[in-house]
């Protein structure tokens, strides 16, 4: 199992390897709007473990995101731990 860790309160959520992170980060308090990578509401900062996430999607590139600044609606976690802030 992979894990998302929120820096502010050290809360953790487990996710199956290869799974979308949306539900886990939503439980941590990330807000979602369109959920299609268009609105940018779900922007998160990757503090640690950026290599454990899927590659940037076209919607993330269109919003000038990078490996350390992602859209939670677009990310999948490959394995391991990812620490986020928002």
N, C-alpha and C. Protein backbone atom coordinates (compact mmCIF):
# COMPACT_ATOMS: atom_id res chain seq x y z
N UNK A 1 0.84 -1.19 0.00
CA UNK A 1 0.00 0.00 0.00
C UNK A 1 0.88 1.25 0.00
N UNK A 2 0.43 2.24 -0.75
CA UNK A 2 1.10 3.54 -0.78
C UNK A 2 0.44 4.44 0.26
N UNK A 3 1.06 5.60 0.50
CA UNK A 3 0.54 6.47 1.55
C UNK A 3 0.71 7.94 1.17
N UNK A 4 -0.34 8.74 1.43
CA UNK A 4 -0.29 10.19 1.32
C UNK A 4 -0.19 10.73 2.74
N UNK A 5 0.74 11.65 2.96
CA UNK A 5 0.95 12.25 4.28
C UNK A 5 0.78 13.76 4.14
N UNK A 6 -0.04 14.34 4.99
CA UNK A 6 -0.29 15.78 4.99
C UNK A 6 0.64 16.43 6.01
N UNK A 7 1.46 17.38 5.56
CA UNK A 7 2.50 17.96 6.42
C UNK A 7 1.96 18.69 7.64
N UNK A 8 0.85 19.39 7.50
CA UNK A 8 0.40 20.26 8.60
C UNK A 8 -0.04 19.50 9.84
N UNK A 9 -0.70 18.37 9.67
CA UNK A 9 -1.18 17.63 10.84
C UNK A 9 -0.64 16.19 10.90
N UNK A 10 0.25 15.85 9.98
CA UNK A 10 0.87 14.52 9.91
C UNK A 10 -0.15 13.39 9.71
N UNK A 11 -1.35 13.74 9.29
CA UNK A 11 -2.37 12.73 9.02
C UNK A 11 -1.97 11.95 7.78
N UNK A 12 -2.25 10.65 7.77
CA UNK A 12 -1.88 9.77 6.67
C UNK A 12 -3.10 9.04 6.13
N UNK A 13 -3.08 8.80 4.82
CA UNK A 13 -4.14 8.02 4.17
C UNK A 13 -3.49 6.99 3.26
N UNK A 14 -3.89 5.74 3.38
CA UNK A 14 -3.36 4.68 2.54
C UNK A 14 -4.14 4.59 1.24
N UNK A 15 -3.41 4.25 0.18
CA UNK A 15 -3.99 4.10 -1.15
C UNK A 15 -3.34 2.88 -1.79
N UNK A 16 -4.10 2.12 -2.53
CA UNK A 16 -3.53 0.98 -3.25
C UNK A 16 -2.50 1.47 -4.26
N UNK A 17 -1.41 0.73 -4.40
CA UNK A 17 -0.41 1.08 -5.41
C UNK A 17 -1.09 1.21 -6.77
N UNK A 18 -0.80 2.30 -7.47
CA UNK A 18 -1.38 2.55 -8.78
C UNK A 18 -2.73 3.26 -8.73
N UNK A 19 -3.22 3.55 -7.53
CA UNK A 19 -4.54 4.18 -7.38
C UNK A 19 -4.51 5.69 -7.49
N UNK A 20 -5.67 6.27 -7.79
CA UNK A 20 -5.82 7.72 -7.82
C UNK A 20 -5.75 8.24 -6.38
N UNK A 21 -5.19 9.44 -6.20
CA UNK A 21 -5.05 10.00 -4.86
C UNK A 21 -6.25 10.87 -4.46
N UNK A 22 -7.18 11.09 -5.36
CA UNK A 22 -8.28 12.03 -5.14
C UNK A 22 -9.03 11.80 -3.84
N UNK A 23 -9.51 10.62 -3.59
CA UNK A 23 -10.31 10.35 -2.39
C UNK A 23 -9.51 10.59 -1.12
N UNK A 24 -8.26 10.15 -1.12
CA UNK A 24 -7.42 10.32 0.07
C UNK A 24 -7.15 11.78 0.38
N UNK A 25 -6.79 12.57 -0.63
CA UNK A 25 -6.49 13.97 -0.36
C UNK A 25 -7.76 14.78 -0.08
N UNK A 26 -8.87 14.34 -0.62
CA UNK A 26 -10.14 14.99 -0.31
C UNK A 26 -10.46 14.81 1.18
N UNK A 27 -10.20 13.61 1.71
CA UNK A 27 -10.40 13.37 3.14
C UNK A 27 -9.46 14.22 3.99
N UNK A 28 -8.31 14.57 3.44
CA UNK A 28 -7.36 15.42 4.15
C UNK A 28 -7.72 16.89 4.08
N UNK A 29 -8.67 17.25 3.21
CA UNK A 29 -9.15 18.63 3.15
C UNK A 29 -8.93 19.37 1.84
N UNK A 30 -8.37 18.72 0.83
CA UNK A 30 -8.20 19.37 -0.47
C UNK A 30 -9.57 19.55 -1.11
N UNK A 31 -9.81 20.74 -1.64
CA UNK A 31 -11.08 21.04 -2.30
C UNK A 31 -11.03 20.66 -3.77
N UNK A 32 -12.14 20.23 -4.32
CA UNK A 32 -12.23 19.85 -5.73
C UNK A 32 -13.36 20.62 -6.39
N UNK A 33 -13.13 21.01 -7.64
CA UNK A 33 -14.15 21.68 -8.42
C UNK A 33 -14.59 20.77 -9.55
N UNK A 34 -14.01 20.96 -10.72
CA UNK A 34 -14.43 20.23 -11.91
C UNK A 34 -13.98 18.77 -11.93
N UNK A 35 -12.88 18.45 -11.29
CA UNK A 35 -12.29 17.10 -11.24
C UNK A 35 -11.77 16.61 -12.58
N UNK A 36 -11.59 17.51 -13.54
CA UNK A 36 -11.10 17.16 -14.87
C UNK A 36 -9.79 17.86 -15.22
N UNK A 37 -9.17 18.53 -14.25
CA UNK A 37 -7.91 19.21 -14.51
C UNK A 37 -8.05 20.54 -15.21
N UNK A 38 -9.23 21.13 -15.17
CA UNK A 38 -9.47 22.39 -15.87
C UNK A 38 -9.47 23.58 -14.91
N UNK A 39 -10.09 23.43 -13.75
CA UNK A 39 -10.29 24.59 -12.87
C UNK A 39 -9.09 24.91 -11.98
N UNK A 40 -8.28 23.92 -11.63
CA UNK A 40 -7.12 24.17 -10.77
C UNK A 40 -7.42 24.25 -9.29
N UNK A 41 -8.65 23.95 -8.89
CA UNK A 41 -9.03 24.03 -7.47
C UNK A 41 -8.20 23.11 -6.60
N UNK A 42 -7.83 21.96 -7.10
CA UNK A 42 -7.18 20.93 -6.29
C UNK A 42 -5.66 20.97 -6.36
N UNK A 43 -5.08 22.15 -6.53
CA UNK A 43 -3.62 22.27 -6.58
C UNK A 43 -3.01 21.87 -5.25
N UNK A 44 -2.00 21.00 -5.31
CA UNK A 44 -1.28 20.59 -4.11
C UNK A 44 0.22 20.76 -4.35
N UNK A 45 0.96 20.93 -3.27
CA UNK A 45 2.42 20.98 -3.33
C UNK A 45 2.96 19.64 -2.88
N UNK A 46 3.89 19.10 -3.62
CA UNK A 46 4.52 17.83 -3.26
C UNK A 46 5.80 18.17 -2.49
N UNK A 47 5.80 17.85 -1.21
CA UNK A 47 6.94 18.15 -0.34
C UNK A 47 8.01 17.08 -0.47
N UNK A 48 7.57 15.83 -0.63
CA UNK A 48 8.50 14.71 -0.72
C UNK A 48 7.82 13.57 -1.47
N UNK A 49 8.57 12.83 -2.26
CA UNK A 49 8.04 11.66 -2.95
C UNK A 49 7.46 11.91 -4.31
N UNK A 50 7.84 13.01 -4.96
CA UNK A 50 7.26 13.32 -6.28
C UNK A 50 7.50 12.22 -7.30
N UNK A 51 8.59 11.47 -7.15
CA UNK A 51 8.87 10.36 -8.07
C UNK A 51 7.92 9.19 -7.91
N UNK A 52 7.14 9.18 -6.83
CA UNK A 52 6.17 8.10 -6.59
C UNK A 52 4.83 8.37 -7.25
N UNK A 53 4.69 9.53 -7.90
CA UNK A 53 3.43 9.88 -8.57
C UNK A 53 3.55 9.66 -10.07
N UNK A 54 2.40 9.53 -10.71
CA UNK A 54 2.33 9.40 -12.17
C UNK A 54 2.93 10.63 -12.84
N UNK A 55 3.20 10.50 -14.12
CA UNK A 55 3.73 11.62 -14.90
C UNK A 55 2.70 12.74 -14.99
N UNK A 56 3.18 13.94 -15.26
CA UNK A 56 2.28 15.08 -15.45
C UNK A 56 1.33 14.81 -16.61
N UNK A 57 0.09 15.18 -16.44
CA UNK A 57 -0.91 15.05 -17.51
C UNK A 57 -0.93 16.34 -18.33
N UNK A 58 -1.58 16.29 -19.47
CA UNK A 58 -1.68 17.49 -20.29
C UNK A 58 -2.42 18.62 -19.56
N UNK A 59 -3.53 18.34 -18.85
CA UNK A 59 -4.17 19.43 -18.11
C UNK A 59 -3.23 20.08 -17.09
N UNK A 60 -2.36 19.29 -16.45
CA UNK A 60 -1.40 19.88 -15.50
C UNK A 60 -0.39 20.76 -16.24
N UNK A 61 0.07 20.30 -17.37
CA UNK A 61 1.01 21.09 -18.17
C UNK A 61 0.35 22.38 -18.65
N UNK A 62 -0.92 22.28 -19.03
CA UNK A 62 -1.65 23.47 -19.49
C UNK A 62 -1.77 24.52 -18.39
N UNK A 63 -1.84 24.08 -17.14
CA UNK A 63 -1.93 25.01 -16.00
C UNK A 63 -0.55 25.30 -15.39
N UNK A 64 0.51 24.97 -16.14
CA UNK A 64 1.89 25.24 -15.76
C UNK A 64 2.29 24.62 -14.43
N UNK A 65 1.78 23.43 -14.17
CA UNK A 65 2.17 22.65 -13.00
C UNK A 65 3.49 21.96 -13.29
N UNK A 66 4.18 21.49 -12.25
CA UNK A 66 5.40 20.73 -12.43
C UNK A 66 5.41 19.58 -11.44
N UNK A 67 6.50 18.82 -11.36
CA UNK A 67 6.56 17.62 -10.51
C UNK A 67 6.30 17.91 -9.03
N UNK A 68 6.54 19.15 -8.60
CA UNK A 68 6.34 19.52 -7.19
C UNK A 68 5.06 20.31 -6.95
N UNK A 69 4.33 20.59 -7.99
CA UNK A 69 3.07 21.34 -7.91
C UNK A 69 2.08 20.66 -8.85
N UNK A 70 1.18 19.88 -8.27
CA UNK A 70 0.32 19.01 -9.06
C UNK A 70 -1.16 19.34 -8.87
N UNK A 71 -1.98 18.73 -9.72
CA UNK A 71 -3.43 18.74 -9.56
C UNK A 71 -3.81 17.38 -8.99
N UNK A 72 -4.41 17.38 -7.81
CA UNK A 72 -4.73 16.11 -7.14
C UNK A 72 -5.70 15.25 -7.95
N UNK A 73 -6.56 15.88 -8.74
CA UNK A 73 -7.52 15.11 -9.54
C UNK A 73 -6.85 14.33 -10.66
N UNK A 74 -5.61 14.67 -10.98
CA UNK A 74 -4.92 14.05 -12.11
C UNK A 74 -3.90 13.00 -11.69
N UNK A 75 -3.55 12.94 -10.41
CA UNK A 75 -2.44 12.10 -9.95
C UNK A 75 -2.85 10.69 -9.56
N UNK A 76 -1.95 9.78 -9.86
CA UNK A 76 -2.01 8.41 -9.35
C UNK A 76 -0.70 8.19 -8.60
N UNK A 77 -0.76 7.38 -7.56
CA UNK A 77 0.44 7.07 -6.80
C UNK A 77 0.94 5.69 -7.23
N UNK A 78 2.19 5.62 -7.60
CA UNK A 78 2.76 4.35 -8.06
C UNK A 78 3.05 3.42 -6.89
N UNK A 79 3.69 3.98 -5.87
CA UNK A 79 4.09 3.21 -4.68
C UNK A 79 4.68 4.16 -3.67
N UNK A 80 4.97 3.67 -2.49
CA UNK A 80 5.69 4.44 -1.48
C UNK A 80 4.87 5.54 -0.85
N UNK A 81 5.58 6.52 -0.30
CA UNK A 81 4.94 7.64 0.41
C UNK A 81 5.08 8.93 -0.39
N UNK A 82 4.06 9.76 -0.30
CA UNK A 82 4.09 11.10 -0.89
C UNK A 82 3.60 12.06 0.20
N UNK A 83 4.43 13.06 0.49
CA UNK A 83 4.05 14.08 1.47
C UNK A 83 3.57 15.31 0.73
N UNK A 84 2.40 15.82 1.13
CA UNK A 84 1.79 16.96 0.44
C UNK A 84 1.52 18.12 1.39
N UNK A 85 1.33 19.27 0.79
CA UNK A 85 0.84 20.46 1.48
C UNK A 85 -0.15 21.12 0.53
N UNK A 86 -1.04 21.93 1.06
CA UNK A 86 -1.98 22.68 0.22
C UNK A 86 -2.46 23.90 0.96
